[in-house]
Amino acid sequence: MGDTQEESLEVKLDQLQCHFTWTPQKETIDLDDLKQRLEDSILLAVKYEARSYNHLAFINCLQGNCEKAIQNLKEAEKILKENHKDEFEKRIIVTYGNYAWVYYHMDRLEEALPRQAGDGL
């Protein structure tokens, strides 16, 4: 992708509703503390496990561990498929937005193109 296409992609990504567009930037939060609390909540199998994996993906990406972020998002997607079959297409939207941003940060721009719930990954 050329610079103009990359800039256009970033504008599209900024319009997604996901952790990369809602959450405070890493300069304003203690990422290590938040990461630890999220990992603890997953171990305790709290009600919002998929949400915790999405947050972990955001933190891992900000810390430069994008491969781990992709693993977190795959886990969130798996949980949503297993536990929310009837509402999967509605609930997966945030996860797909997070995938797009992580792939963008990995410079895998083709994979960063925003997805629809029916597209699959």
C-alpha atoms as a PDB file:
ATOM      1  CA  MET A   1       0.000   0.000   0.000  1.00  0.00           C
ATOM      2  CA  GLY A   2       1.184   3.497  -0.760  1.00  0.00           C
ATOM      3  CA  ASP A   3       1.233   6.345   1.747  1.00  0.00           C
ATOM      4  CA  THR A   4      -2.102   7.707   0.523  1.00  0.00           C
ATOM      5  CA  GLN A   5      -3.768   4.303   0.848  1.00  0.00           C
ATOM      6  CA  GLU A   6      -2.259   3.854   4.313  1.00  0.00           C
ATOM      7  CA  GLU A   7      -3.564   7.263   5.396  1.00  0.00           C
ATOM      8  CA  SER A   8      -7.001   6.367   4.012  1.00  0.00           C
ATOM      9  CA  LEU A   9      -6.908   3.096   5.936  1.00  0.00           C
ATOM     10  CA  GLU A  10      -6.012   4.909   9.153  1.00  0.00           C
ATOM     11  CA  VAL A  11      -8.991   7.252   8.686  1.00  0.00           C
ATOM     12  CA  LYS A  12     -11.257   4.188   8.306  1.00  0.00           C
ATOM     13  CA  LEU A  13      -9.717   2.538  11.365  1.00  0.00           C
ATOM     14  CA  ASP A  14     -10.305   5.682  13.425  1.00  0.00           C
ATOM     15  CA  GLN A  15     -14.029   5.281  12.730  1.00  0.00           C
ATOM     16  CA  LEU A  16     -14.180   1.789  14.280  1.00  0.00           C
ATOM     17  CA  GLN A  17     -15.734   1.333  17.700  1.00  0.00           C
ATOM     18  CA  CYS A  18     -13.051  -0.617  19.564  1.00  0.00           C
ATOM     19  CA  HIS A  19     -10.449  -0.343  22.305  1.00  0.00           C
ATOM     20  CA  PHE A  20      -8.000   1.484  20.038  1.00  0.00           C
ATOM     21  CA  THR A  21     -10.447   4.346  19.543  1.00  0.00           C
ATOM     22  CA  TRP A  22     -12.043   4.523  23.023  1.00  0.00           C
ATOM     23  CA  THR A  23      -9.319   3.764  25.526  1.00  0.00           C
ATOM     24  CA  PRO A  24      -6.900   6.296  26.976  1.00  0.00           C
ATOM     25  CA  GLN A  25      -3.480   6.148  25.416  1.00  0.00           C
ATOM     26  CA  LYS A  26      -0.666   4.252  27.082  1.00  0.00           C
ATOM     27  CA  GLU A  27       0.840   7.432  28.513  1.00  0.00           C
ATOM     28  CA  THR A  28      -2.191   7.901  30.780  1.00  0.00           C
ATOM     29  CA  ILE A  29      -2.531   4.380  32.241  1.00  0.00           C
ATOM     30  CA  ASP A  30      -0.312   1.872  34.047  1.00  0.00           C
ATOM     31  CA  LEU A  31      -0.306  -0.870  31.422  1.00  0.00           C
ATOM     32  CA  ASP A  32       1.471  -3.471  33.559  1.00  0.00           C
ATOM     33  CA  ASP A  33      -0.977  -3.062  36.443  1.00  0.00           C
ATOM     34  CA  LEU A  34      -4.005  -3.174  34.158  1.00  0.00           C
ATOM     35  CA  LYS A  35      -2.608  -6.199  32.321  1.00  0.00           C
ATOM     36  CA  GLN A  36      -2.112  -8.061  35.609  1.00  0.00           C
ATOM     37  CA  ARG A  37      -5.645  -7.290  36.783  1.00  0.00           C
ATOM     38  CA  LEU A  38      -7.100  -8.487  33.478  1.00  0.00           C
ATOM     39  CA  GLU A  39      -5.084 -11.704  33.558  1.00  0.00           C
ATOM     40  CA  ASP A  40      -6.272 -12.296  37.135  1.00  0.00           C
ATOM     41  CA  SER A  41      -9.894 -11.743  36.138  1.00  0.00           C
ATOM     42  CA  ILE A  42      -9.550 -14.273  33.298  1.00  0.00           C
ATOM     43  CA  LEU A  43      -8.088 -16.844  35.689  1.00  0.00           C
ATOM     44  CA  LEU A  44     -11.085 -16.328  37.949  1.00  0.00           C
ATOM     45  CA  ALA A  45     -13.398 -16.904  34.956  1.00  0.00           C
ATOM     46  CA  VAL A  46     -15.333 -13.699  35.425  1.00  0.00           C
ATOM     47  CA  LYS A  47     -18.491 -13.085  33.445  1.00  0.00           C
ATOM     48  CA  TYR A  48     -16.893 -10.816  30.836  1.00  0.00           C
ATOM     49  CA  GLU A  49     -13.971 -13.014  29.797  1.00  0.00           C
ATOM     50  CA  ALA A  50     -14.101 -12.046  26.095  1.00  0.00           C
ATOM     51  CA  ARG A  51     -14.016  -8.366  27.052  1.00  0.00           C
ATOM     52  CA  SER A  52     -10.933  -9.002  29.202  1.00  0.00           C
ATOM     53  CA  TYR A  53      -9.174 -10.693  26.275  1.00  0.00           C
ATOM     54  CA  ASN A  54      -9.981  -7.690  24.078  1.00  0.00           C
ATOM     55  CA  HIS A  55      -8.468  -5.364  26.681  1.00  0.00           C
ATOM     56  CA  LEU A  56      -5.394  -7.601  26.948  1.00  0.00           C
ATOM     57  CA  ALA A  57      -4.993  -7.478  23.175  1.00  0.00           C
ATOM     58  CA  PHE A  58      -5.029  -3.681  23.310  1.00  0.00           C
ATOM     59  CA  ILE A  59      -2.410  -3.612  26.073  1.00  0.00           C
ATOM     60  CA  ASN A  60      -0.194  -6.213  24.423  1.00  0.00           C
ATOM     61  CA  CYS A  61      -0.277  -4.264  21.175  1.00  0.00           C
ATOM     62  CA  LEU A  62       0.633  -1.013  22.948  1.00  0.00           C
ATOM     63  CA  GLN A  63       3.540  -2.843  24.594  1.00  0.00           C
ATOM     64  CA  GLY A  64       4.741  -4.040  21.178  1.00  0.00           C
ATOM     65  CA  ASN A  65       3.626  -7.654  21.548  1.00  0.00           C
ATOM     66  CA  CYS A  66       1.257  -7.804  18.589  1.00  0.00           C
ATOM     67  CA  GLU A  67       1.487 -11.582  18.119  1.00  0.00           C
ATOM     68  CA  LYS A  68       0.245 -12.031  21.691  1.00  0.00           C
ATOM     69  CA  ALA A  69      -2.489  -9.490  20.948  1.00  0.00           C
ATOM     70  CA  ILE A  70      -3.670 -11.599  18.001  1.00  0.00           C
ATOM     71  CA  GLN A  71      -3.742 -14.660  20.291  1.00  0.00           C
ATOM     72  CA  ASN A  72      -5.841 -12.687  22.794  1.00  0.00           C
ATOM     73  CA  LEU A  73      -8.291 -11.680  20.068  1.00  0.00           C
ATOM     74  CA  LYS A  74      -8.584 -15.266  18.816  1.00  0.00           C
ATOM     75  CA  GLU A  75      -9.409 -16.336  22.366  1.00  0.00           C
ATOM     76  CA  ALA A  76     -12.050 -13.595  22.658  1.00  0.00           C
ATOM     77  CA  GLU A  77     -13.553 -14.669  19.326  1.00  0.00           C
ATOM     78  CA  LYS A  78     -13.624 -18.329  20.438  1.00  0.00           C
ATOM     79  CA  ILE A  79     -15.390 -17.421  23.693  1.00  0.00           C
ATOM     80  CA  LEU A  80     -17.959 -15.317  21.863  1.00  0.00           C
ATOM     81  CA  LYS A  81     -18.658 -18.152  19.393  1.00  0.00           C
ATOM     82  CA  GLU A  82     -19.084 -20.669  22.201  1.00  0.00           C
ATOM     83  CA  ASN A  83     -21.090 -18.557  24.636  1.00  0.00           C
ATOM     84  CA  HIS A  84     -23.075 -16.155  22.457  1.00  0.00           C
ATOM     85  CA  LYS A  85     -24.086 -18.035  19.318  1.00  0.00           C
ATOM     86  CA  ASP A  86     -27.338 -16.099  18.982  1.00  0.00           C
ATOM     87  CA  GLU A  87     -25.666 -12.684  19.344  1.00  0.00           C
ATOM     88  CA  PHE A  88     -22.261 -13.468  17.869  1.00  0.00           C
ATOM     89  CA  GLU A  89     -22.493 -11.057  14.939  1.00  0.00           C
ATOM     90  CA  LYS A  90     -23.397  -8.209  17.283  1.00  0.00           C
ATOM     91  CA  ARG A  91     -20.815  -9.033  19.950  1.00  0.00           C
ATOM     92  CA  ILE A  92     -17.853  -9.669  17.604  1.00  0.00           C
ATOM     93  CA  ILE A  93     -17.800  -6.147  16.149  1.00  0.00           C
ATOM     94  CA  VAL A  94     -15.429  -4.728  18.786  1.00  0.00           C
ATOM     95  CA  THR A  95     -13.095  -7.710  18.445  1.00  0.00           C
ATOM     96  CA  TYR A  96     -12.958  -7.245  14.665  1.00  0.00           C
ATOM     97  CA  GLY A  97     -12.121  -3.572  15.158  1.00  0.00           C
ATOM     98  CA  ASN A  98      -9.314  -4.571  17.504  1.00  0.00           C
ATOM     99  CA  TYR A  99      -8.019  -7.120  14.960  1.00  0.00           C
ATOM    100  CA  ALA A 100      -7.893  -4.361  12.351  1.00  0.00           C
ATOM    101  CA  TRP A 101      -5.851  -2.065  14.579  1.00  0.00           C
ATOM    102  CA  VAL A 102      -3.415  -4.794  15.665  1.00  0.00           C
ATOM    103  CA  TYR A 103      -2.810  -5.812  12.054  1.00  0.00           C
ATOM    104  CA  TYR A 104      -2.308  -2.152  11.197  1.00  0.00           C
ATOM    105  CA  HIS A 105       0.342  -1.856  13.923  1.00  0.00           C
ATOM    106  CA  MET A 106       1.993  -5.005  12.544  1.00  0.00           C
ATOM    107  CA  ASP A 107       2.130  -3.317   9.122  1.00  0.00           C
ATOM    108  CA  ARG A 108      -0.075  -6.085   7.716  1.00  0.00           C
ATOM    109  CA  LEU A 109      -2.252  -3.523   6.002  1.00  0.00           C
ATOM    110  CA  GLU A 110      -4.325  -5.859   3.819  1.00  0.00           C
ATOM    111  CA  GLU A 111      -5.441  -7.735   6.927  1.00  0.00           C
ATOM    112  CA  ALA A 112      -6.123  -4.432   8.683  1.00  0.00           C
ATOM    113  CA  LEU A 113      -9.008  -3.589   6.381  1.00  0.00           C
ATOM    114  CA  PRO A 114     -12.134  -3.341   8.543  1.00  0.00           C
ATOM    115  CA  ARG A 115     -14.231  -6.515   8.509  1.00  0.00           C
ATOM    116  CA  GLN A 116     -17.896  -7.303   8.767  1.00  0.00           C
ATOM    117  CA  ALA A 117     -19.216  -9.849  11.252  1.00  0.00           C
ATOM    118  CA  GLY A 118     -20.077 -12.299   8.471  1.00  0.00           C
ATOM    119  CA  ASP A 119     -16.570 -12.207   6.957  1.00  0.00           C
ATOM    120  CA  GLY A 120     -14.836 -14.450   9.482  1.00  0.00           C
ATOM    121  CA  LEU A 121     -11.111 -14.411  10.093  1.00  0.00           C
END
